[in-house]
């Protein structure tokens, strides 16, 4: 069964804090999702260990 957690991150474009759902069943993943406030693409890098998310980093698509 997939392990899902929520996390709060700050959009690198508009600066708003947004809540996201992250999957802890994958050790390392990177994906792009649009900001729910300004709709610009955010690159997410998620690291998990033993099904628990240990870090979520965000950056703009052009960084």
PDB file of N, CA and C in Angstrom:
ATOM      1  N   UNK A   1       0.844  -1.186   0.000  1.00  0.00           N
ATOM      2  CA  UNK A   1       0.000   0.000   0.000  1.00  0.00           C
ATOM      3  C   UNK A   1       0.884   1.242   0.000  1.00  0.00           C
ATOM      4  N   UNK A   2       0.525   2.242  -0.797  1.00  0.00           N
ATOM      5  CA  UNK A   2       1.321   3.457  -0.911  1.00  0.00           C
ATOM      6  C   UNK A   2       1.206   4.304   0.354  1.00  0.00           C
ATOM      7  N   UNK A   3       2.313   4.888   0.728  1.00  0.00           N
ATOM      8  CA  UNK A   3       2.361   5.763   1.903  1.00  0.00           C
ATOM      9  C   UNK A   3       2.302   7.206   1.405  1.00  0.00           C
ATOM     10  N   UNK A   4       1.269   7.945   1.762  1.00  0.00           N
ATOM     11  CA  UNK A   4       1.134   9.339   1.347  1.00  0.00           C
ATOM     12  C   UNK A   4       1.151  10.236   2.578  1.00  0.00           C
ATOM     13  N   UNK A   5       1.884  11.331   2.462  1.00  0.00           N
ATOM     14  CA  UNK A   5       1.975  12.331   3.521  1.00  0.00           C
ATOM     15  C   UNK A   5       1.655  13.687   2.913  1.00  0.00           C
ATOM     16  N   UNK A   6       1.401  14.652   3.755  1.00  0.00           N
ATOM     17  CA  UNK A   6       1.240  16.015   3.277  1.00  0.00           C
ATOM     18  C   UNK A   6       2.425  16.843   3.770  1.00  0.00           C
ATOM     19  N   UNK A   7       2.738  17.873   3.005  1.00  0.00           N
ATOM     20  CA  UNK A   7       3.833  18.770   3.370  1.00  0.00           C
ATOM     21  C   UNK A   7       3.440  20.181   2.936  1.00  0.00           C
ATOM     22  N   UNK A   8       3.992  21.157   3.618  1.00  0.00           N
ATOM     23  CA  UNK A   8       3.796  22.554   3.239  1.00  0.00           C
ATOM     24  C   UNK A   8       5.103  23.056   2.651  1.00  0.00           C
ATOM     25  N   UNK A   9       5.012  23.677   1.480  1.00  0.00           N
ATOM     26  CA  UNK A   9       6.193  24.231   0.805  1.00  0.00           C
ATOM     27  C   UNK A   9       5.870  25.644   0.354  1.00  0.00           C
ATOM     28  N   UNK A  10       6.917  26.417   0.091  1.00  0.00           N
ATOM     29  CA  UNK A  10       6.736  27.784  -0.385  1.00  0.00           C
ATOM     30  C   UNK A  10       7.014  27.820  -1.878  1.00  0.00           C
ATOM     31  N   UNK A  11       6.090  28.361  -2.628  1.00  0.00           N
ATOM     32  CA  UNK A  11       6.252  28.472  -4.075  1.00  0.00           C
ATOM     33  C   UNK A  11       7.452  29.382  -4.377  1.00  0.00           C
ATOM     34  N   UNK A  12       8.376  28.920  -5.241  1.00  0.00           N
ATOM     35  CA  UNK A  12       9.547  29.754  -5.568  1.00  0.00           C
ATOM     36  C   UNK A  12       9.205  30.961  -6.445  1.00  0.00           C
ATOM     37  N   UNK A  13       8.006  31.018  -6.975  1.00  0.00           N
ATOM     38  CA  UNK A  13       7.593  32.134  -7.823  1.00  0.00           C
ATOM     39  C   UNK A  13       6.815  33.191  -7.049  1.00  0.00           C
ATOM     40  N   UNK A  14       5.674  32.787  -6.452  1.00  0.00           N
ATOM     41  CA  UNK A  14       4.798  33.769  -5.808  1.00  0.00           C
ATOM     42  C   UNK A  14       5.015  33.863  -4.300  1.00  0.00           C
ATOM     43  N   UNK A  15       5.744  32.903  -3.715  1.00  0.00           N
ATOM     44  CA  UNK A  15       6.056  32.953  -2.295  1.00  0.00           C
ATOM     45  C   UNK A  15       4.961  32.430  -1.376  1.00  0.00           C
ATOM     46  N   UNK A  16       3.832  32.021  -1.943  1.00  0.00           N
ATOM     47  CA  UNK A  16       2.730  31.505  -1.132  1.00  0.00           C
ATOM     48  C   UNK A  16       3.064  30.112  -0.596  1.00  0.00           C
ATOM     49  N   UNK A  17       2.608  29.833   0.624  1.00  0.00           N
ATOM     50  CA  UNK A  17       2.769  28.502   1.195  1.00  0.00           C
ATOM     51  C   UNK A  17       1.621  27.630   0.695  1.00  0.00           C
ATOM     52  N   UNK A  18       1.967  26.468   0.119  1.00  0.00           N
ATOM     53  CA  UNK A  18       0.948  25.561  -0.399  1.00  0.00           C
ATOM     54  C   UNK A  18       1.122  24.184   0.228  1.00  0.00           C
ATOM     55  N   UNK A  19       0.019  23.473   0.341  1.00  0.00           N
ATOM     56  CA  UNK A  19       0.045  22.117   0.885  1.00  0.00           C
ATOM     57  C   UNK A  19       0.052  21.136  -0.278  1.00  0.00           C
ATOM     58  N   UNK A  20       0.944  20.151  -0.210  1.00  0.00           N
ATOM     59  CA  UNK A  20       1.033  19.137  -1.253  1.00  0.00           C
ATOM     60  C   UNK A  20       0.928  17.747  -0.625  1.00  0.00           C
ATOM     61  N   UNK A  21       0.566  16.777  -1.436  1.00  0.00           N
ATOM     62  CA  UNK A  21       0.557  15.377  -1.024  1.00  0.00           C
ATOM     63  C   UNK A  21       1.774  14.725  -1.653  1.00  0.00           C
ATOM     64  N   UNK A  22       2.594  14.056  -0.825  1.00  0.00           N
ATOM     65  CA  UNK A  22       3.797  13.401  -1.317  1.00  0.00           C
ATOM     66  C   UNK A  22       3.725  11.903  -1.037  1.00  0.00           C
ATOM     67  N   UNK A  23       4.295  11.124  -1.938  1.00  0.00           N
ATOM     68  CA  UNK A  23       4.279   9.668  -1.861  1.00  0.00           C
ATOM     69  C   UNK A  23       5.561   9.183  -1.201  1.00  0.00           C
ATOM     70  N   UNK A  24       5.449   8.568  -0.026  1.00  0.00           N
ATOM     71  CA  UNK A  24       6.612   8.075   0.701  1.00  0.00           C
ATOM     72  C   UNK A  24       7.035   6.677   0.308  1.00  0.00           C
ATOM     73  N   UNK A  25       6.340   6.052  -0.659  1.00  0.00           N
ATOM     74  CA  UNK A  25       6.675   4.683  -1.052  1.00  0.00           C
ATOM     75  C   UNK A  25       7.850   4.615  -2.027  1.00  0.00           C
ATOM     76  N   UNK A  26       8.265   5.768  -2.567  1.00  0.00           N
ATOM     77  CA  UNK A  26       9.397   5.836  -3.496  1.00  0.00           C
ATOM     78  C   UNK A  26      10.537   6.569  -2.799  1.00  0.00           C
ATOM     79  N   UNK A  27      11.747   5.964  -2.795  1.00  0.00           N
ATOM     80  CA  UNK A  27      12.878   6.547  -2.061  1.00  0.00           C
ATOM     81  C   UNK A  27      13.290   7.929  -2.568  1.00  0.00           C
ATOM     82  N   UNK A  28      13.463   8.071  -3.875  1.00  0.00           N
ATOM     83  CA  UNK A  28      13.870   9.352  -4.463  1.00  0.00           C
ATOM     84  C   UNK A  28      12.995   9.612  -5.677  1.00  0.00           C
ATOM     85  N   UNK A  29      12.427  10.787  -5.744  1.00  0.00           N
ATOM     86  CA  UNK A  29      11.614  11.129  -6.907  1.00  0.00           C
ATOM     87  C   UNK A  29      11.704  12.619  -7.193  1.00  0.00           C
ATOM     88  N   UNK A  30      11.535  12.955  -8.463  1.00  0.00           N
ATOM     89  CA  UNK A  30      11.504  14.349  -8.889  1.00  0.00           C
ATOM     90  C   UNK A  30      10.368  14.481  -9.886  1.00  0.00           C
ATOM     91  N   UNK A  31       9.560  15.512  -9.718  1.00  0.00           N
ATOM     92  CA  UNK A  31       8.435  15.727 -10.617  1.00  0.00           C
ATOM     93  C   UNK A  31       8.082  17.205 -10.657  1.00  0.00           C
ATOM     94  N   UNK A  32       7.266  17.581 -11.637  1.00  0.00           N
ATOM     95  CA  UNK A  32       6.829  18.966 -11.801  1.00  0.00           C
ATOM     96  C   UNK A  32       5.333  19.030 -11.567  1.00  0.00           C
ATOM     97  N   UNK A  33       4.916  20.002 -10.767  1.00  0.00           N
ATOM     98  CA  UNK A  33       3.504  20.220 -10.484  1.00  0.00           C
ATOM     99  C   UNK A  33       3.273  21.725 -10.446  1.00  0.00           C
ATOM    100  N   UNK A  34       2.159  22.182 -10.971  1.00  0.00           N
ATOM    101  CA  UNK A  34       1.858  23.611 -10.985  1.00  0.00           C
ATOM    102  C   UNK A  34       1.452  24.103  -9.601  1.00  0.00           C
ATOM    103  N   UNK A  35       1.861  25.311  -9.271  1.00  0.00           N
ATOM    104  CA  UNK A  35       1.463  25.958  -8.027  1.00  0.00           C
ATOM    105  C   UNK A  35      -0.052  26.147  -8.045  1.00  0.00           C
ATOM    106  N   UNK A  36      -0.702  25.828  -6.943  1.00  0.00           N
ATOM    107  CA  UNK A  36      -2.156  25.969  -6.857  1.00  0.00           C
ATOM    108  C   UNK A  36      -2.593  27.430  -6.746  1.00  0.00           C
ATOM    109  N   UNK A  37      -1.641  28.338  -6.537  1.00  0.00           N
ATOM    110  CA  UNK A  37      -1.972  29.766  -6.423  1.00  0.00           C
ATOM    111  C   UNK A  37      -1.673  30.505  -7.731  1.00  0.00           C
ATOM    112  N   UNK A  38      -0.439  30.412  -8.223  1.00  0.00           N
ATOM    113  CA  UNK A  38      -0.044  31.186  -9.411  1.00  0.00           C
ATOM    114  C   UNK A  38       0.052  30.351 -10.693  1.00  0.00           C
ATOM    115  N   UNK A  39      -0.114  29.040 -10.571  1.00  0.00           N
ATOM    116  CA  UNK A  39      -0.145  28.115 -11.712  1.00  0.00           C
ATOM    117  C   UNK A  39       1.177  27.970 -12.460  1.00  0.00           C
ATOM    118  N   UNK A  40       2.283  28.391 -11.870  1.00  0.00           N
ATOM    119  CA  UNK A  40       3.590  28.223 -12.524  1.00  0.00           C
ATOM    120  C   UNK A  40       4.186  26.884 -12.117  1.00  0.00           C
ATOM    121  N   UNK A  41       5.031  26.280 -12.978  1.00  0.00           N
ATOM    122  CA  UNK A  41       5.546  24.932 -12.729  1.00  0.00           C
ATOM    123  C   UNK A  41       6.648  24.900 -11.664  1.00  0.00           C
ATOM    124  N   UNK A  42       6.431  24.086 -10.635  1.00  0.00           N
ATOM    125  CA  UNK A  42       7.406  23.913  -9.549  1.00  0.00           C
ATOM    126  C   UNK A  42       8.038  22.538  -9.694  1.00  0.00           C
ATOM    127  N   UNK A  43       9.368  22.472  -9.567  1.00  0.00           N
ATOM    128  CA  UNK A  43      10.082  21.197  -9.584  1.00  0.00           C
ATOM    129  C   UNK A  43      10.215  20.715  -8.144  1.00  0.00           C
ATOM    130  N   UNK A  44       9.671  19.541  -7.870  1.00  0.00           N
ATOM    131  CA  UNK A  44       9.723  18.941  -6.544  1.00  0.00           C
ATOM    132  C   UNK A  44      10.746  17.820  -6.529  1.00  0.00           C
ATOM    133  N   UNK A  45      11.587  17.789  -5.497  1.00  0.00           N
ATOM    134  CA  UNK A  45      12.513  16.684  -5.254  1.00  0.00           C
ATOM    135  C   UNK A  45      12.163  16.120  -3.884  1.00  0.00           C
ATOM    136  N   UNK A  46      11.754  14.848  -3.855  1.00  0.00           N
ATOM    137  CA  UNK A  46      11.273  14.231  -2.629  1.00  0.00           C
ATOM    138  C   UNK A  46      12.177  13.045  -2.286  1.00  0.00           C
ATOM    139  N   UNK A  47      12.588  12.956  -1.020  1.00  0.00           N
ATOM    140  CA  UNK A  47      13.397  11.844  -0.523  1.00  0.00           C
ATOM    141  C   UNK A  47      12.626  11.184   0.614  1.00  0.00           C
ATOM    142  N   UNK A  48      12.572   9.848   0.577  1.00  0.00           N
ATOM    143  CA  UNK A  48      11.883   9.090   1.622  1.00  0.00           C
ATOM    144  C   UNK A  48      12.769   7.931   2.067  1.00  0.00           C
ATOM    145  N   UNK A  49      12.625   7.551   3.322  1.00  0.00           N
ATOM    146  CA  UNK A  49      13.323   6.389   3.877  1.00  0.00           C
ATOM    147  C   UNK A  49      12.314   5.546   4.634  1.00  0.00           C
ATOM    148  N   UNK A  50      12.300   4.269   4.351  1.00  0.00           N
ATOM    149  CA  UNK A  50      11.399   3.329   5.023  1.00  0.00           C
ATOM    150  C   UNK A  50       9.945   3.789   4.987  1.00  0.00           C
ATOM    151  N   UNK A  51       9.524   4.334   3.847  1.00  0.00           N
ATOM    152  CA  UNK A  51       8.139   4.753   3.680  1.00  0.00           C
ATOM    153  C   UNK A  51       7.790   6.098   4.278  1.00  0.00           C
ATOM    154  N   UNK A  52       8.765   6.779   4.870  1.00  0.00           N
ATOM    155  CA  UNK A  52       8.516   8.082   5.487  1.00  0.00           C
ATOM    156  C   UNK A  52       9.285   9.167   4.738  1.00  0.00           C
ATOM    157  N   UNK A  53       8.587  10.224   4.361  1.00  0.00           N
ATOM    158  CA  UNK A  53       9.212  11.342   3.638  1.00  0.00           C
ATOM    159  C   UNK A  53      10.151  12.067   4.582  1.00  0.00           C
ATOM    160  N   UNK A  54      11.419  12.214   4.154  1.00  0.00           N
ATOM    161  CA  UNK A  54      12.415  12.880   4.989  1.00  0.00           C
ATOM    162  C   UNK A  54      12.731  14.295   4.508  1.00  0.00           C
ATOM    163  N   UNK A  55      12.537  14.565   3.213  1.00  0.00           N
ATOM    164  CA  UNK A  55      12.760  15.931   2.740  1.00  0.00           C
ATOM    165  C   UNK A  55      11.983  16.198   1.461  1.00  0.00           C
ATOM    166  N   UNK A  56      11.554  17.448   1.328  1.00  0.00           N
ATOM    167  CA  UNK A  56      10.875  17.925   0.122  1.00  0.00           C
ATOM    168  C   UNK A  56      11.526  19.255  -0.228  1.00  0.00           C
ATOM    169  N   UNK A  57      12.173  19.307  -1.385  1.00  0.00           N
ATOM    170  CA  UNK A  57      12.801  20.539  -1.857  1.00  0.00           C
ATOM    171  C   UNK A  57      12.065  21.009  -3.091  1.00  0.00           C
ATOM    172  N   UNK A  58      11.914  22.315  -3.227  1.00  0.00           N
ATOM    173  CA  UNK A  58      11.243  22.884  -4.398  1.00  0.00           C
ATOM    174  C   UNK A  58      12.163  23.918  -5.034  1.00  0.00           C
ATOM    175  N   UNK A  59      11.987  24.062  -6.355  1.00  0.00           N
ATOM    176  CA  UNK A  59      12.735  25.085  -7.077  1.00  0.00           C
ATOM    177  C   UNK A  59      11.945  25.473  -8.320  1.00  0.00           C
ATOM    178  N   UNK A  60      12.284  26.605  -8.886  1.00  0.00           N
ATOM    179  CA  UNK A  60      11.625  27.023 -10.115  1.00  0.00           C
ATOM    180  C   UNK A  60      12.160  26.179 -11.268  1.00  0.00           C
ATOM    181  N   UNK A  61      11.417  26.133 -12.335  1.00  0.00           N
ATOM    182  CA  UNK A  61      11.796  25.297 -13.477  1.00  0.00           C
ATOM    183  C   UNK A  61      13.076  25.786 -14.145  1.00  0.00           C
ATOM    184  N   UNK A  62      13.399  27.073 -14.025  1.00  0.00           N
ATOM    185  CA  UNK A  62      14.579  27.610 -14.692  1.00  0.00           C
ATOM    186  C   UNK A  62      15.819  27.680 -13.800  1.00  0.00           C
ATOM    187  N   UNK A  63      15.776  27.108 -12.611  1.00  0.00           N
ATOM    188  CA  UNK A  63      16.955  27.096 -11.718  1.00  0.00           C
ATOM    189  C   UNK A  63      17.886  25.979 -12.092  1.00  0.00           C
TER     190      UNK A  63
END
